[in-house]
Protein backbone atom coordinates (compact mmCIF):
# COMPACT_ATOMS: atom_id res chain seq x y z
CA MET A 1 0.08 -0.07 0.01
CA ILE A 2 2.99 2.14 1.14
CA ASP A 3 4.62 1.57 -2.34
CA ALA A 4 1.36 2.45 -4.53
CA LEU A 5 0.99 5.69 -2.93
CA ALA A 6 4.82 6.46 -3.35
CA ALA A 7 4.46 5.78 -7.10
CA ILE A 8 1.18 7.72 -7.30
CA VAL A 9 2.35 10.94 -5.71
CA PRO A 10 5.39 11.60 -7.70
CA ALA A 11 3.36 11.04 -11.05
CA ALA A 12 1.00 13.71 -9.65
CA ALA A 13 3.54 15.92 -8.97
CA SER A 14 4.74 15.54 -12.53
CA THR A 15 1.23 16.11 -13.72
CA THR A 16 1.00 19.43 -12.07
CA ALA A 17 4.61 20.73 -13.05
CA ALA A 18 3.36 19.73 -16.46
CA ALA A 19 0.25 21.98 -16.20
CA ALA A 20 1.91 24.73 -14.93
CA GLY A 21 4.69 24.58 -17.41
CA SER A 22 2.03 24.91 -20.12
CA THR A 23 0.06 27.68 -18.43
CA ALA A 24 3.64 29.43 -18.58
CA VAL A 25 4.19 28.76 -21.88
CA SER A 26 0.95 30.24 -23.13
CA ALA A 27 1.76 33.51 -21.24
CA THR A 28 5.31 33.72 -22.99
CA ALA A 29 5.94 34.92 -26.64
CA SER A 30 4.93 31.79 -29.08
CA SER A 31 7.69 33.43 -32.05
CA ALA A 32 9.94 36.28 -32.54
CA PRO A 33 8.07 39.83 -32.73
CA ALA A 34 8.78 42.01 -35.92
CA SER A 35 12.21 43.96 -35.74
CA ILE A 36 12.73 47.18 -36.98
CA PRO A 37 15.15 49.66 -36.97
CA LEU A 38 15.08 51.94 -33.65
CA TRP A 39 15.53 55.14 -35.57
CA ILE A 40 11.98 54.32 -37.45
CA GLU A 41 10.33 53.61 -33.83
CA LEU A 42 11.52 56.80 -32.70
CA LEU A 43 10.93 58.92 -35.85
CA VAL A 44 7.11 57.44 -35.63
CA VAL A 45 6.83 58.46 -31.95
CA MET A 46 8.36 62.26 -32.37
CA VAL A 47 6.12 62.64 -35.65
CA SER A 48 2.87 61.85 -33.66
CA ALA A 49 4.28 63.99 -30.55
CA GLY A 50 4.34 66.74 -33.04
CA THR A 51 1.34 66.59 -34.34
CA GLY A 52 -0.15 66.56 -30.86
CA VAL A 53 1.56 69.89 -30.33
CA LEU A 54 -0.31 71.24 -33.19
CA THR A 55 -3.81 70.29 -31.92
CA ALA A 56 -2.62 71.94 -28.55
CA ARG A 57 -1.80 75.09 -30.49
CA GLU A 58 -5.31 75.25 -32.39
CA HIS A 59 -7.05 74.78 -28.71
CA LYS A 60 -5.01 77.39 -27.31
CA LEU A 61 -3.78 75.02 -24.60
CA ASP A 62 -0.71 76.04 -22.68
CA PHE A 63 2.91 74.20 -22.38
CA VAL A 64 1.84 71.55 -20.37
CA GLY A 65 -1.25 70.63 -22.44
CA ALA A 66 0.93 70.52 -25.31
CA LEU A 67 3.14 68.07 -23.53
CA TRP A 68 0.12 65.95 -22.46
CA LEU A 69 -1.32 65.66 -25.95
CA ALA A 70 2.20 65.08 -27.38
CA VAL A 71 2.39 61.91 -25.05
CA LEU A 72 -1.11 60.78 -25.77
CA LEU A 73 -0.64 60.98 -29.56
CA GLY A 74 3.00 59.57 -29.50
CA LEU A 75 2.73 56.64 -27.00
CA GLY A 76 -1.15 56.30 -25.95
CA GLY A 77 -2.00 53.70 -28.45
CA GLY A 78 0.78 51.60 -27.38
CA LEU A 79 0.01 51.84 -23.79
CA ILE A 80 -3.84 51.01 -24.32
CA ARG A 81 -2.87 47.99 -26.01
CA ASP A 82 -0.49 46.84 -23.65
CA VAL A 83 -2.48 47.44 -20.73
CA ILE A 84 -5.32 45.24 -22.76
CA LEU A 85 -2.98 42.24 -23.66
CA GLN A 86 -1.38 42.10 -19.84
CA VAL A 87 1.67 40.25 -21.47
CA GLY A 88 5.21 41.02 -22.13
CA ASN A 89 6.53 44.66 -21.27
CA VAL A 90 5.13 48.08 -21.78
CA TYR A 91 6.38 49.97 -24.41
CA ILE A 92 6.57 53.12 -23.07
CA LEU A 93 8.43 51.81 -20.10
CA ASN A 94 10.48 49.32 -21.82
CA GLN A 95 12.08 51.90 -24.43
CA PRO A 96 14.26 54.32 -22.30
CA LEU A 97 14.35 56.40 -25.58
CA ALA A 98 10.75 56.93 -26.40
CA LEU A 99 9.23 59.29 -23.50
CA PRO A 100 12.25 61.58 -23.69
CA LEU A 101 12.15 62.25 -27.20
CA ALA A 102 8.48 62.57 -27.55
CA LEU A 103 8.75 65.35 -25.01
CA LEU A 104 11.89 66.93 -26.61
CA SER A 105 10.13 67.12 -30.03
CA ALA A 106 7.13 68.46 -28.46
CA THR A 107 9.10 71.33 -26.79
CA VAL A 108 10.63 72.02 -30.25
CA VAL A 109 7.32 72.00 -31.74
CA PHE A 110 5.80 74.25 -29.51
CA ILE A 111 8.41 77.09 -29.48
CA PHE A 112 8.88 76.69 -33.24
CA PRO A 113 5.37 75.81 -34.75
CA ALA A 114 6.60 76.95 -38.40
CA ILE A 115 9.20 73.65 -38.72
CA VAL A 116 6.04 71.48 -39.01
CA GLU A 117 3.16 73.75 -40.24
CA LYS A 118 4.54 74.88 -43.92
CA PRO A 119 5.42 71.18 -44.88
CA ASP A 120 2.27 69.99 -44.23
CA LYS A 121 2.07 67.58 -47.14
CA LEU A 122 5.18 65.98 -45.41
CA ILE A 123 3.46 65.48 -42.13
CA ASN A 124 0.46 64.06 -43.33
CA LEU A 125 2.43 61.82 -45.39
CA LEU A 126 4.42 60.63 -41.82
CA ASP A 127 1.12 60.57 -39.67
CA ILE A 128 -0.26 58.14 -42.03
CA PHE A 129 2.95 56.18 -42.16
CA SER A 130 2.80 56.01 -38.33
CA VAL A 131 -0.63 54.68 -38.17
CA GLY A 132 0.02 52.14 -40.97
CA LEU A 133 3.37 51.04 -38.53
CA TYR A 134 1.72 51.39 -35.49
CA ALA A 135 -1.20 49.00 -36.75
CA CYS A 136 0.97 46.35 -37.82
CA LEU A 137 3.40 46.82 -34.65
CA GLY A 138 0.31 46.58 -32.15
CA CYS A 139 -1.11 43.34 -34.39
CA ASP A 140 2.47 41.78 -34.49
CA LYS A 141 2.64 41.71 -30.63
CA ALA A 142 -0.75 40.05 -30.02
CA TYR A 143 0.17 37.62 -32.53
CA VAL A 144 3.53 36.56 -30.86
CA TYR A 145 1.81 35.78 -27.67
CA GLY A 146 -0.50 33.59 -29.41
CA PHE A 147 -3.89 35.53 -29.62
CA GLU A 148 -6.81 35.08 -32.10
CA PRO A 149 -6.57 37.30 -35.48
CA THR A 150 -9.37 39.09 -34.69
CA VAL A 151 -7.80 40.04 -31.53
CA CYS A 152 -4.56 40.95 -33.36
CA ILE A 153 -6.57 43.08 -35.55
CA MET A 154 -8.06 44.94 -32.67
CA MET A 155 -4.74 45.50 -30.97
CA GLY A 156 -3.42 46.81 -34.41
CA PHE A 157 -6.64 49.29 -34.49
CA PHE A 158 -6.07 50.47 -30.75
CA THR A 159 -2.30 51.02 -31.21
CA ALA A 160 -2.83 53.22 -34.35
CA VAL A 161 -5.76 55.41 -33.31
CA GLY A 162 -5.95 54.98 -29.69
CA GLY A 163 -3.67 57.85 -28.84
CA GLY A 164 -5.89 60.30 -31.38
CA MET A 165 -9.21 58.82 -29.27
CA LEU A 166 -7.47 59.77 -25.98
CA ARG A 167 -6.38 63.17 -27.21
CA ASP A 168 -10.00 63.87 -28.33
CA ILE A 169 -11.72 62.37 -24.76
CA CYS A 170 -9.04 64.95 -23.04
CA LEU A 171 -10.50 67.94 -25.71
CA ALA A 172 -13.94 67.05 -24.81
CA ARG A 173 -15.16 66.10 -28.30
CA THR A 174 -16.27 63.19 -30.62
CA PRO A 175 -13.05 61.50 -31.89
CA ILE A 176 -12.30 62.05 -35.13
CA ILE A 177 -12.24 58.60 -36.34
CA PHE A 178 -15.58 58.01 -35.22
CA GLN A 179 -16.87 61.04 -37.72
CA LYS A 180 -17.66 61.06 -41.22
CA GLY A 181 -14.29 61.53 -43.37
CA ASN A 182 -11.82 59.91 -45.63
CA PHE A 183 -10.82 56.45 -44.42
CA TYR A 184 -8.25 56.65 -41.35
CA ALA A 185 -9.49 54.01 -38.56
CA LEU A 186 -10.49 51.66 -41.46
CA ALA A 187 -7.09 51.96 -43.45
CA ALA A 188 -5.38 50.85 -40.01
CA ILE A 189 -7.74 47.79 -39.97
CA GLY A 190 -7.00 47.26 -43.40
CA GLY A 191 -3.38 47.25 -42.77
CA ALA A 192 -3.57 44.93 -39.52
CA ALA A 193 -5.75 42.45 -41.29
CA ILE A 194 -3.29 42.24 -44.04
CA TYR A 195 -0.49 41.80 -41.79
CA ILE A 196 -2.09 38.75 -39.85
CA TRP A 197 -3.35 37.33 -43.07
CA LEU A 198 0.27 37.32 -44.73
CA VAL A 199 1.71 36.24 -41.56
CA ARG A 200 -0.60 33.43 -40.03
CA TRP A 201 -1.80 31.96 -43.26
CA ILE A 202 0.57 32.89 -45.97
CA GLY A 203 3.64 32.34 -43.91
CA VAL A 204 5.47 35.61 -45.14
CA TRP A 205 8.42 36.78 -43.26
CA ASN A 206 7.15 39.40 -40.67
CA ILE A 207 9.30 42.27 -41.65
CA LEU A 208 7.91 41.89 -45.39
CA ALA A 209 4.71 41.30 -44.17
CA LEU A 210 5.12 44.54 -41.89
CA ILE A 211 6.04 46.69 -44.99
CA ILE A 212 3.10 45.62 -47.38
CA GLY A 213 0.73 46.09 -44.18
CA THR A 214 1.91 49.99 -43.98
CA ALA A 215 1.85 50.28 -47.66
CA VAL A 216 -1.92 49.07 -47.39
CA THR A 217 -2.37 51.51 -44.87
CA MET A 218 -1.46 54.23 -46.86
CA GLY A 219 -2.88 53.19 -49.90
CA LEU A 220 -6.16 52.85 -48.67
CA ARG A 221 -5.67 56.18 -47.26
CA TRP A 222 -4.60 58.00 -50.51
CA ILE A 223 -7.34 56.42 -52.35
CA SER A 224 -9.84 57.70 -50.03
CA ILE A 225 -8.81 61.16 -50.41
CA LYS A 226 -8.06 60.74 -54.26
CA PHE A 227 -11.74 59.78 -55.09
CA ASN A 228 -13.08 61.74 -51.87
CA ILE A 229 -14.74 58.26 -50.47
CA GLN A 230 -15.96 59.05 -47.05
CA THR A 231 -17.47 56.62 -44.65
CA PRO A 232 -21.15 56.61 -44.26
CA THR A 233 -22.92 58.38 -41.26
CA GLN A 234 -26.57 57.08 -42.01
CA VAL A 235 -27.75 53.96 -44.11
CA ASP A 236 -31.03 53.37 -45.18
CA ILE A 237 -31.22 49.86 -47.03
CA SER A 238 -34.93 50.17 -47.69
CA ARG A 239 -34.33 52.91 -50.32
CA MET A 240 -32.64 50.09 -52.39
CA VAL A 241 -35.98 47.92 -52.40
CA PRO A 242 -37.61 48.84 -55.91
CA HIS A 243 -40.52 50.85 -55.93
CA ARG A 244 -43.37 48.05 -56.32
CA HIS A 245 -42.09 46.02 -53.56
CA ARG A 246 -42.06 49.29 -51.08
CA ARG A 247 -45.96 49.95 -52.29
CA GLY A 248 -47.56 47.17 -50.22
CA THR A 249 -45.74 48.34 -47.26
CA GLU A 250 -46.64 51.89 -47.68
CA GLY A 251 -50.05 50.82 -48.34
CA ALA A 252 -50.19 48.87 -45.38
CA SER A 253 -48.87 51.46 -43.01
CA SER A 254 -51.50 53.62 -44.53
CA ALA A 255 -54.23 51.33 -43.82
CA LEU A 256 -53.01 51.07 -40.42
CA ARG A 257 -52.98 54.83 -39.84
CA GLN A 258 -56.47 54.88 -41.11
CA GLU A 259 -57.58 52.35 -38.68
CA THR A 260 -56.31 53.96 -35.76
CA PRO A 261 -58.64 56.03 -34.40
CA VAL A 262 -57.87 59.77 -33.34
CA VAL A 263 -59.27 60.25 -29.63
CA GLY A 264 -59.12 64.01 -29.06
CA SER A 265 -61.64 66.07 -26.55
CA VAL A 266 -64.25 68.21 -27.96
CA ASP A 267 -63.73 70.69 -25.34
CA ALA A 268 -60.31 71.10 -26.31
CA LEU A 269 -61.26 71.54 -29.48
CA ALA A 270 -63.71 73.92 -28.56
CA GLY A 271 -61.35 75.86 -26.61
CA ARG A 272 -58.69 76.17 -29.04
CA ARG A 273 -61.20 77.47 -31.92
CA GLU A 274 -62.28 80.08 -29.35
CA ARG A 275 -58.74 81.15 -29.15
CA THR A 276 -57.99 81.26 -32.56
CA LEU A 277 -60.99 83.47 -33.09
CA ALA A 278 -60.16 85.69 -30.33
CA ASP A 279 -56.79 86.19 -31.64
CA ILE A 280 -57.64 86.85 -35.24
CA GLU A 281 -60.30 89.68 -33.46
CA GLU A 282 -57.64 91.09 -31.31
CA ARG A 283 -55.33 91.39 -34.94
CA ARG A 284 -58.10 92.95 -36.61
CA GLY A 285 -58.98 95.45 -33.71
CA ARG A 286 -54.82 96.34 -33.83
CA GLU A 287 -55.00 96.64 -37.43
CA ARG A 288 -58.28 99.24 -37.14
CA ARG A 289 -56.40 101.33 -34.40
CA ALA A 290 -53.28 101.48 -36.68
CA GLN A 291 -55.67 102.75 -39.67
CA ALA A 292 -57.52 105.19 -37.47
CA LEU A 293 -54.12 106.93 -36.15
CA ALA A 294 -52.95 107.00 -39.62
CA ARG A 295 -55.91 108.57 -40.63
CA LEU A 296 -55.60 111.17 -38.00
CA ARG A 297 -51.86 111.99 -38.50
CA LYS A 298 -52.88 112.71 -42.25
CA ASN A 299 -55.94 115.13 -41.35
CA LYS A 300 -53.34 116.59 -38.94
CA ARG A 301 -50.95 117.27 -41.43
CA LYS A 302 -53.85 118.53 -43.84
CA ARG A 303 -54.91 121.30 -41.40
CA LYS A 304 -51.63 122.35 -40.72
CA GLN A 305 -50.83 122.92 -44.39
CA ARG A 306 -54.22 125.07 -44.40
CA ARG A 307 -53.18 127.14 -42.00
CA LEU A 308 -49.70 127.70 -43.51
CA ASP A 309 -51.32 128.39 -46.96
CA MET A 310 -53.62 131.24 -45.39
């Protein structure tokens, strides 16, 4: 009996250790993350921080407000992603140069706004480039830790536009990505979807997929601006139904309106009629008084003119 128990205990211990080991593996990275040059990462952070300062200047914010918006735009999306995922490291804490460079870029743009206000086309190009790159990087981090494709695309979306959402919330306005306009959030979602499709199902090298996903994001944004394609605000599919099919529905609704009895108070209608008639009579009285006053003034002027003639 003792020998049997001694054999069971090590087996149970090994099973528990295996389960703990599998749990630990699920919380670690399953593949290597996409590695891009450090200067590109920092350039994207600085560009996003600069656009945050421009928004602060438009709303007449002080220096502290400009720095806050700059940090939100440059690093807010990645912070939202890391807080939701709760795996791996937090980028704003793990990269020691990200926060100082974001603050430095914000300070320079705040003092010398002409640096970025004049080359607006370059800033717009770098802005959508940063959106595409953030979308693919956020998608890649979720994929590395074994999350489902839909979660990966959502993390790419949050990384790309999360900073802009935080900025608009701090400014007490509806986030721009939720308003009617050219593709921005949809472009980020498209880039993230292309990235996860290439990496997961095609087996493309993640760096190449990163380049393609960023290019797709920029291409979707350019197409929407070129052909003025905007996101719809209201959709009514019933208008697409042929008129002959709508006629029966309209007839039924009109019949329903006719069958519905109109319940009204006779006393209320009578009172309304009396008030209307009283109002009409009062207006007529004002008009008669005004005409009488006009005749008196006219006669007074005539009498005065006769005296002068005499």
